[in-house]
Amino acid sequence: MSEQFPPAVIEKLGERLKRSLVKEGDCLLTTYSGYQGYAHLGMMFNGRLYRIRAHRLAYLLAKGSIDPALHVCHRCDKPACCNPDHLFEGSARENQLDSMAKGRKPIGENHPQAKTLDRDIVIMGRLREIGLAQHEIAEAFGISQSQVSAILNGERKTIEPIVRDTAEGLLRELVEDHNKRYGTVGDKNYSDLIVRARKLLESQQEAK
């Protein structure tokens, strides 16, 4: 991982990155090219090749370290941007949902993770339908309220309704999803979401 790079490598690559940057609005774009706009920098050091994405290097230089389990994502949605203020750390799931919110399919439709994303979207939609606020959904899924809004309101393909239609089915789906993602450790935001959903569904059933 990038934070395990020798300091001499980070320093040398950092110098090369800085020389490649051009300002475009608030963005700092590298002139290096790469697949889908994501440039890499690399060099040999002590007989070993070190490579790192340009924007990840920019974040590392600005922050001093990166959690090896996390991605470095763009707020500006410009892969070539290396402005640290436009970058943030996020999990693979958060990175994929962020891409979806910006109107891009981050992975192939037949990839197993694509089905997970579709499932997330269906669950978000059902939670919104029963009355949960976007900010509550955002907290549970680890993304912003604006991203939830973009995902739910943006144009997207019709997704097979994999969440059970009944109230009991939805709650069971949420519990299963929580346990699958977080195991016995659990996640407070997601747990709070389940409690809130249960209360809303119970009040709606009482009103019928």
C-alpha atoms as a PDB file:
ATOM      1  CA  MET A   1       0.000   0.000   0.000  1.00  0.00           C
ATOM      2  CA  SER A   2       1.065   3.581  -0.611  1.00  0.00           C
ATOM      3  CA  GLU A   3       1.688   4.436   3.030  1.00  0.00           C
ATOM      4  CA  GLN A   4       4.292   1.644   3.113  1.00  0.00           C
ATOM      5  CA  PHE A   5       6.372   3.343   0.428  1.00  0.00           C
ATOM      6  CA  PRO A   6       9.869   4.411   1.503  1.00  0.00           C
ATOM      7  CA  PRO A   7       9.999   8.157   2.292  1.00  0.00           C
ATOM      8  CA  ALA A   8      12.558   8.655  -0.494  1.00  0.00           C
ATOM      9  CA  VAL A   9      10.102   7.226  -3.039  1.00  0.00           C
ATOM     10  CA  ILE A  10       7.221   9.394  -1.826  1.00  0.00           C
ATOM     11  CA  GLU A  11       9.432  12.483  -1.931  1.00  0.00           C
ATOM     12  CA  LYS A  12      10.681  11.791  -5.467  1.00  0.00           C
ATOM     13  CA  LEU A  13       7.254  10.914  -6.847  1.00  0.00           C
ATOM     14  CA  GLY A  14       5.802  13.940  -5.072  1.00  0.00           C
ATOM     15  CA  GLU A  15       8.234  16.235  -6.885  1.00  0.00           C
ATOM     16  CA  ARG A  16       7.250  14.710 -10.218  1.00  0.00           C
ATOM     17  CA  LEU A  17       3.554  15.043  -9.395  1.00  0.00           C
ATOM     18  CA  LYS A  18       3.849  18.723  -8.440  1.00  0.00           C
ATOM     19  CA  ARG A  19       5.596  19.530 -11.723  1.00  0.00           C
ATOM     20  CA  SER A  20       2.740  17.889 -13.627  1.00  0.00           C
ATOM     21  CA  LEU A  21      -0.116  19.855 -12.061  1.00  0.00           C
ATOM     22  CA  VAL A  22      -2.122  22.502 -13.907  1.00  0.00           C
ATOM     23  CA  LYS A  23      -4.911  24.574 -12.394  1.00  0.00           C
ATOM     24  CA  GLU A  24      -8.421  24.307 -13.813  1.00  0.00           C
ATOM     25  CA  GLY A  25     -10.933  26.168 -11.693  1.00  0.00           C
ATOM     26  CA  ASP A  26     -10.534  24.799  -8.173  1.00  0.00           C
ATOM     27  CA  CYS A  27      -9.009  21.571  -9.459  1.00  0.00           C
ATOM     28  CA  LEU A  28      -5.334  20.709  -9.784  1.00  0.00           C
ATOM     29  CA  LEU A  29      -5.100  18.323 -12.738  1.00  0.00           C
ATOM     30  CA  THR A  30      -2.115  16.129 -13.448  1.00  0.00           C
ATOM     31  CA  THR A  31      -0.930  16.060 -17.037  1.00  0.00           C
ATOM     32  CA  TYR A  32      -0.015  12.394 -16.660  1.00  0.00           C
ATOM     33  CA  SER A  33      -2.502  10.109 -18.393  1.00  0.00           C
ATOM     34  CA  GLY A  34      -3.983   6.797 -17.358  1.00  0.00           C
ATOM     35  CA  TYR A  35      -6.872   4.396 -17.789  1.00  0.00           C
ATOM     36  CA  GLN A  36     -10.208   6.230 -17.355  1.00  0.00           C
ATOM     37  CA  GLY A  37      -8.228   9.333 -16.394  1.00  0.00           C
ATOM     38  CA  TYR A  38      -6.537   7.790 -13.346  1.00  0.00           C
ATOM     39  CA  ALA A  39      -2.818   8.412 -13.773  1.00  0.00           C
ATOM     40  CA  HIS A  40      -0.110   6.386 -12.041  1.00  0.00           C
ATOM     41  CA  LEU A  41       3.391   7.412 -11.052  1.00  0.00           C
ATOM     42  CA  GLY A  42       6.129   4.895 -10.457  1.00  0.00           C
ATOM     43  CA  MET A  43       9.844   4.374  -9.984  1.00  0.00           C
ATOM     44  CA  MET A  44      12.390   1.694  -9.214  1.00  0.00           C
ATOM     45  CA  PHE A  45      13.980   1.831  -5.754  1.00  0.00           C
ATOM     46  CA  ASN A  46      16.377  -0.743  -4.320  1.00  0.00           C
ATOM     47  CA  GLY A  47      15.447  -3.198  -7.024  1.00  0.00           C
ATOM     48  CA  ARG A  48      11.676  -2.879  -6.531  1.00  0.00           C
ATOM     49  CA  LEU A  49       9.032  -1.102  -8.608  1.00  0.00           C
ATOM     50  CA  TYR A  50       6.716   1.241  -6.685  1.00  0.00           C
ATOM     51  CA  ARG A  51       3.530   2.541  -8.341  1.00  0.00           C
ATOM     52  CA  ILE A  52       0.749   4.705  -6.965  1.00  0.00           C
ATOM     53  CA  ARG A  53      -2.201   6.590  -8.411  1.00  0.00           C
ATOM     54  CA  ALA A  54      -1.569  10.312  -8.744  1.00  0.00           C
ATOM     55  CA  HIS A  55      -4.546  11.452  -6.678  1.00  0.00           C
ATOM     56  CA  ARG A  56      -3.765   8.922  -3.946  1.00  0.00           C
ATOM     57  CA  LEU A  57      -0.204  10.241  -3.803  1.00  0.00           C
ATOM     58  CA  ALA A  58      -1.540  13.807  -3.538  1.00  0.00           C
ATOM     59  CA  TYR A  59      -3.745  12.818  -0.612  1.00  0.00           C
ATOM     60  CA  LEU A  60      -0.887  10.970   1.070  1.00  0.00           C
ATOM     61  CA  LEU A  61       1.421  13.980   0.739  1.00  0.00           C
ATOM     62  CA  ALA A  62      -1.231  16.284   2.219  1.00  0.00           C
ATOM     63  CA  LYS A  63      -2.478  14.059   5.039  1.00  0.00           C
ATOM     64  CA  GLY A  64       0.616  12.034   5.887  1.00  0.00           C
ATOM     65  CA  SER A  65      -1.087   8.627   5.807  1.00  0.00           C
ATOM     66  CA  ILE A  66      -3.911   6.648   4.243  1.00  0.00           C
ATOM     67  CA  ASP A  67      -5.880   3.791   5.735  1.00  0.00           C
ATOM     68  CA  PRO A  68      -4.777   0.862   3.523  1.00  0.00           C
ATOM     69  CA  ALA A  69      -8.316  -0.538   3.584  1.00  0.00           C
ATOM     70  CA  LEU A  70      -9.838   2.627   2.084  1.00  0.00           C
ATOM     71  CA  HIS A  71     -10.052   4.225  -1.334  1.00  0.00           C
ATOM     72  CA  VAL A  72      -9.261   7.871  -2.052  1.00  0.00           C
ATOM     73  CA  CYS A  73     -12.331   9.334  -3.774  1.00  0.00           C
ATOM     74  CA  HIS A  74     -12.994  12.572  -5.675  1.00  0.00           C
ATOM     75  CA  ARG A  75     -15.578  15.131  -4.595  1.00  0.00           C
ATOM     76  CA  CYS A  76     -15.180  16.913  -7.954  1.00  0.00           C
ATOM     77  CA  ASP A  77     -15.566  13.715 -10.021  1.00  0.00           C
ATOM     78  CA  LYS A  78     -12.419  14.485 -12.043  1.00  0.00           C
ATOM     79  CA  PRO A  79     -10.057  11.478 -11.958  1.00  0.00           C
ATOM     80  CA  ALA A  80      -7.045  13.628 -12.870  1.00  0.00           C
ATOM     81  CA  CYS A  81      -7.626  16.069 -10.003  1.00  0.00           C
ATOM     82  CA  CYS A  82      -4.967  16.041  -7.282  1.00  0.00           C
ATOM     83  CA  ASN A  83      -6.284  18.860  -5.111  1.00  0.00           C
ATOM     84  CA  PRO A  84      -6.311  17.368  -1.581  1.00  0.00           C
ATOM     85  CA  ASP A  85      -9.367  19.474  -0.722  1.00  0.00           C
ATOM     86  CA  HIS A  86     -11.293  17.573  -3.398  1.00  0.00           C
ATOM     87  CA  LEU A  87     -10.299  14.152  -2.063  1.00  0.00           C
ATOM     88  CA  PHE A  88     -11.640  11.988   0.754  1.00  0.00           C
ATOM     89  CA  GLU A  89     -11.149   8.479   2.084  1.00  0.00           C
ATOM     90  CA  GLY A  90     -13.990   6.010   1.639  1.00  0.00           C
ATOM     91  CA  SER A  91     -14.676   2.290   1.677  1.00  0.00           C
ATOM     92  CA  ALA A  92     -15.135   0.330  -1.549  1.00  0.00           C
ATOM     93  CA  ARG A  93     -18.887   0.434  -0.988  1.00  0.00           C
ATOM     94  CA  GLU A  94     -18.879   4.203  -0.398  1.00  0.00           C
ATOM     95  CA  ASN A  95     -16.733   4.686  -3.484  1.00  0.00           C
ATOM     96  CA  GLN A  96     -19.158   2.658  -5.612  1.00  0.00           C
ATOM     97  CA  LEU A  97     -22.227   4.470  -4.284  1.00  0.00           C
ATOM     98  CA  ASP A  98     -20.466   7.794  -4.866  1.00  0.00           C
ATOM     99  CA  SER A  99     -19.850   6.779  -8.487  1.00  0.00           C
ATOM    100  CA  MET A 100     -23.502   5.754  -8.820  1.00  0.00           C
ATOM    101  CA  ALA A 101     -24.635   9.106  -7.398  1.00  0.00           C
ATOM    102  CA  LYS A 102     -22.569  10.863 -10.055  1.00  0.00           C
ATOM    103  CA  GLY A 103     -24.297   8.916 -12.813  1.00  0.00           C
ATOM    104  CA  ARG A 104     -21.590   6.331 -13.472  1.00  0.00           C
ATOM    105  CA  LYS A 105     -21.766   2.554 -13.168  1.00  0.00           C
ATOM    106  CA  PRO A 106     -18.535   1.944 -11.241  1.00  0.00           C
ATOM    107  CA  ILE A 107     -18.309  -1.742 -12.154  1.00  0.00           C
ATOM    108  CA  GLY A 108     -19.683  -4.062 -14.809  1.00  0.00           C
ATOM    109  CA  GLU A 109     -23.340  -4.991 -14.538  1.00  0.00           C
ATOM    110  CA  ASN A 110     -22.536  -8.690 -14.290  1.00  0.00           C
ATOM    111  CA  HIS A 111     -19.983  -8.219 -11.514  1.00  0.00           C
ATOM    112  CA  PRO A 112     -21.166  -9.517  -8.087  1.00  0.00           C
ATOM    113  CA  GLN A 113     -20.600  -6.060  -6.569  1.00  0.00           C
ATOM    114  CA  ALA A 114     -22.991  -4.561  -9.126  1.00  0.00           C
ATOM    115  CA  LYS A 115     -25.764  -6.737  -7.694  1.00  0.00           C
ATOM    116  CA  THR A 116     -24.841  -5.464  -4.223  1.00  0.00           C
ATOM    117  CA  LEU A 117     -25.180  -1.878  -5.445  1.00  0.00           C
ATOM    118  CA  ASP A 118     -28.564  -2.624  -6.996  1.00  0.00           C
ATOM    119  CA  ARG A 119     -29.663  -4.167  -3.699  1.00  0.00           C
ATOM    120  CA  ASP A 120     -28.515  -1.054  -1.817  1.00  0.00           C
ATOM    121  CA  ILE A 121     -30.543   1.149  -4.139  1.00  0.00           C
ATOM    122  CA  VAL A 122     -33.683  -0.948  -3.720  1.00  0.00           C
ATOM    123  CA  ILE A 123     -33.331  -0.860   0.072  1.00  0.00           C
ATOM    124  CA  MET A 124     -32.811   2.918  -0.021  1.00  0.00           C
ATOM    125  CA  GLY A 125     -35.913   3.325  -2.143  1.00  0.00           C
ATOM    126  CA  ARG A 126     -38.089   1.223   0.168  1.00  0.00           C
ATOM    127  CA  LEU A 127     -36.826   3.106   3.234  1.00  0.00           C
ATOM    128  CA  ARG A 128     -37.661   6.400   1.564  1.00  0.00           C
ATOM    129  CA  GLU A 129     -41.121   5.112   0.656  1.00  0.00           C
ATOM    130  CA  ILE A 130     -41.966   4.279   4.267  1.00  0.00           C
ATOM    131  CA  GLY A 131     -40.950   7.759   5.390  1.00  0.00           C
ATOM    132  CA  LEU A 132     -37.300   7.701   6.425  1.00  0.00           C
ATOM    133  CA  ALA A 133     -35.463  10.950   5.742  1.00  0.00           C
ATOM    134  CA  GLN A 134     -32.615  11.014   3.272  1.00  0.00           C
ATOM    135  CA  HIS A 135     -30.122  12.019   5.979  1.00  0.00           C
ATOM    136  CA  GLU A 136     -31.080   8.930   8.035  1.00  0.00           C
ATOM    137  CA  ILE A 137     -30.482   6.684   5.045  1.00  0.00           C
ATOM    138  CA  ALA A 138     -27.208   8.478   4.284  1.00  0.00           C
ATOM    139  CA  GLU A 139     -25.862   7.914   7.798  1.00  0.00           C
ATOM    140  CA  ALA A 140     -26.591   4.197   7.631  1.00  0.00           C
ATOM    141  CA  PHE A 141     -24.998   3.747   4.215  1.00  0.00           C
ATOM    142  CA  GLY A 142     -21.977   5.925   4.949  1.00  0.00           C
ATOM    143  CA  ILE A 143     -22.599   8.474   2.189  1.00  0.00           C
ATOM    144  CA  SER A 144     -23.927  12.030   2.031  1.00  0.00           C
ATOM    145  CA  GLN A 145     -27.558  13.120   1.860  1.00  0.00           C
ATOM    146  CA  SER A 146     -26.940  14.657  -1.568  1.00  0.00           C
ATOM    147  CA  GLN A 147     -25.611  11.317  -2.799  1.00  0.00           C
ATOM    148  CA  VAL A 148     -28.738   9.517  -1.577  1.00  0.00           C
ATOM    149  CA  SER A 149     -30.854  12.113  -3.364  1.00  0.00           C
ATOM    150  CA  ALA A 150     -28.866  11.718  -6.585  1.00  0.00           C
ATOM    151  CA  ILE A 151     -29.088   7.929  -6.465  1.00  0.00           C
ATOM    152  CA  LEU A 152     -32.833   7.848  -5.798  1.00  0.00           C
ATOM    153  CA  ASN A 153     -33.811  10.701  -8.113  1.00  0.00           C
ATOM    154  CA  GLY A 154     -31.365  10.130 -10.949  1.00  0.00           C
ATOM    155  CA  GLU A 155     -32.148   8.171 -14.060  1.00  0.00           C
ATOM    156  CA  ARG A 156     -31.255   4.515 -13.616  1.00  0.00           C
ATOM    157  CA  LYS A 157     -32.257   1.175 -15.066  1.00  0.00           C
ATOM    158  CA  THR A 158     -35.235  -0.697 -13.637  1.00  0.00           C
ATOM    159  CA  ILE A 159     -33.997  -2.925 -10.833  1.00  0.00           C
ATOM    160  CA  GLU A 160     -35.612  -6.198  -9.915  1.00  0.00           C
ATOM    161  CA  PRO A 161     -37.368  -5.656  -6.540  1.00  0.00           C
ATOM    162  CA  ILE A 162     -35.307  -7.937  -4.338  1.00  0.00           C
ATOM    163  CA  VAL A 163     -36.496  -6.420  -1.053  1.00  0.00           C
ATOM    164  CA  ARG A 164     -39.565  -8.183   0.310  1.00  0.00           C
ATOM    165  CA  ASP A 165     -42.739  -6.141  -0.060  1.00  0.00           C
ATOM    166  CA  THR A 166     -44.216  -6.753   3.390  1.00  0.00           C
ATOM    167  CA  ALA A 167     -43.226  -4.716   6.435  1.00  0.00           C
ATOM    168  CA  GLU A 168     -41.895  -7.836   8.138  1.00  0.00           C
ATOM    169  CA  GLY A 169     -39.979  -8.709   4.991  1.00  0.00           C
ATOM    170  CA  LEU A 170     -38.340  -5.293   4.769  1.00  0.00           C
ATOM    171  CA  LEU A 171     -37.260  -5.424   8.408  1.00  0.00           C
ATOM    172  CA  ARG A 172     -35.920  -8.925   7.946  1.00  0.00           C
ATOM    173  CA  GLU A 173     -34.018  -7.767   4.865  1.00  0.00           C
ATOM    174  CA  LEU A 174     -32.478  -4.881   6.812  1.00  0.00           C
ATOM    175  CA  VAL A 175     -31.381  -7.130   9.666  1.00  0.00           C
ATOM    176  CA  GLU A 176     -29.879  -9.639   7.247  1.00  0.00           C
ATOM    177  CA  ASP A 177     -28.074  -6.879   5.368  1.00  0.00           C
ATOM    178  CA  HIS A 178     -26.725  -5.398   8.620  1.00  0.00           C
ATOM    179  CA  ASN A 179     -25.468  -8.766   9.850  1.00  0.00           C
ATOM    180  CA  LYS A 180     -23.892  -9.574   6.507  1.00  0.00           C
ATOM    181  CA  ARG A 181     -21.987  -6.303   6.430  1.00  0.00           C
ATOM    182  CA  TYR A 182     -21.010  -5.865  10.077  1.00  0.00           C
ATOM    183  CA  GLY A 183     -21.345  -9.274  11.727  1.00  0.00           C
ATOM    184  CA  THR A 184     -21.508  -9.409  15.532  1.00  0.00           C
ATOM    185  CA  VAL A 185     -19.643  -6.090  15.841  1.00  0.00           C
ATOM    186  CA  GLY A 186     -22.598  -4.208  14.382  1.00  0.00           C
ATOM    187  CA  ASP A 187     -22.944  -0.622  13.203  1.00  0.00           C
ATOM    188  CA  LYS A 188     -24.787   1.971  15.309  1.00  0.00           C
ATOM    189  CA  ASN A 189     -26.053   4.075  12.391  1.00  0.00           C
ATOM    190  CA  TYR A 190     -27.456   1.045  10.594  1.00  0.00           C
ATOM    191  CA  SER A 191     -28.947  -0.336  13.824  1.00  0.00           C
ATOM    192  CA  ASP A 192     -30.614   3.015  14.515  1.00  0.00           C
ATOM    193  CA  LEU A 193     -32.005   2.943  10.991  1.00  0.00           C
ATOM    194  CA  ILE A 194     -33.611  -0.447  11.597  1.00  0.00           C
ATOM    195  CA  VAL A 195     -35.204   0.788  14.843  1.00  0.00           C
ATOM    196  CA  ARG A 196     -36.531   3.889  13.083  1.00  0.00           C
ATOM    197  CA  ALA A 197     -37.891   1.814  10.173  1.00  0.00           C
ATOM    198  CA  ARG A 198     -39.617  -0.579  12.592  1.00  0.00           C
ATOM    199  CA  LYS A 199     -41.331   2.298  14.414  1.00  0.00           C
ATOM    200  CA  LEU A 200     -42.507   3.882  11.146  1.00  0.00           C
ATOM    201  CA  LEU A 201     -43.882   0.605   9.850  1.00  0.00           C
ATOM    202  CA  GLU A 202     -45.657  -0.138  13.135  1.00  0.00           C
ATOM    203  CA  SER A 203     -47.277   3.312  13.176  1.00  0.00           C
ATOM    204  CA  GLN A 204     -48.372   2.910   9.551  1.00  0.00           C
ATOM    205  CA  GLN A 205     -49.922  -0.480  10.278  1.00  0.00           C
ATOM    206  CA  GLU A 206     -51.761   0.941  13.314  1.00  0.00           C
ATOM    207  CA  ALA A 207     -53.176   3.731  11.153  1.00  0.00           C
ATOM    208  CA  LYS A 208     -54.705   1.283   8.668  1.00  0.00           C
END
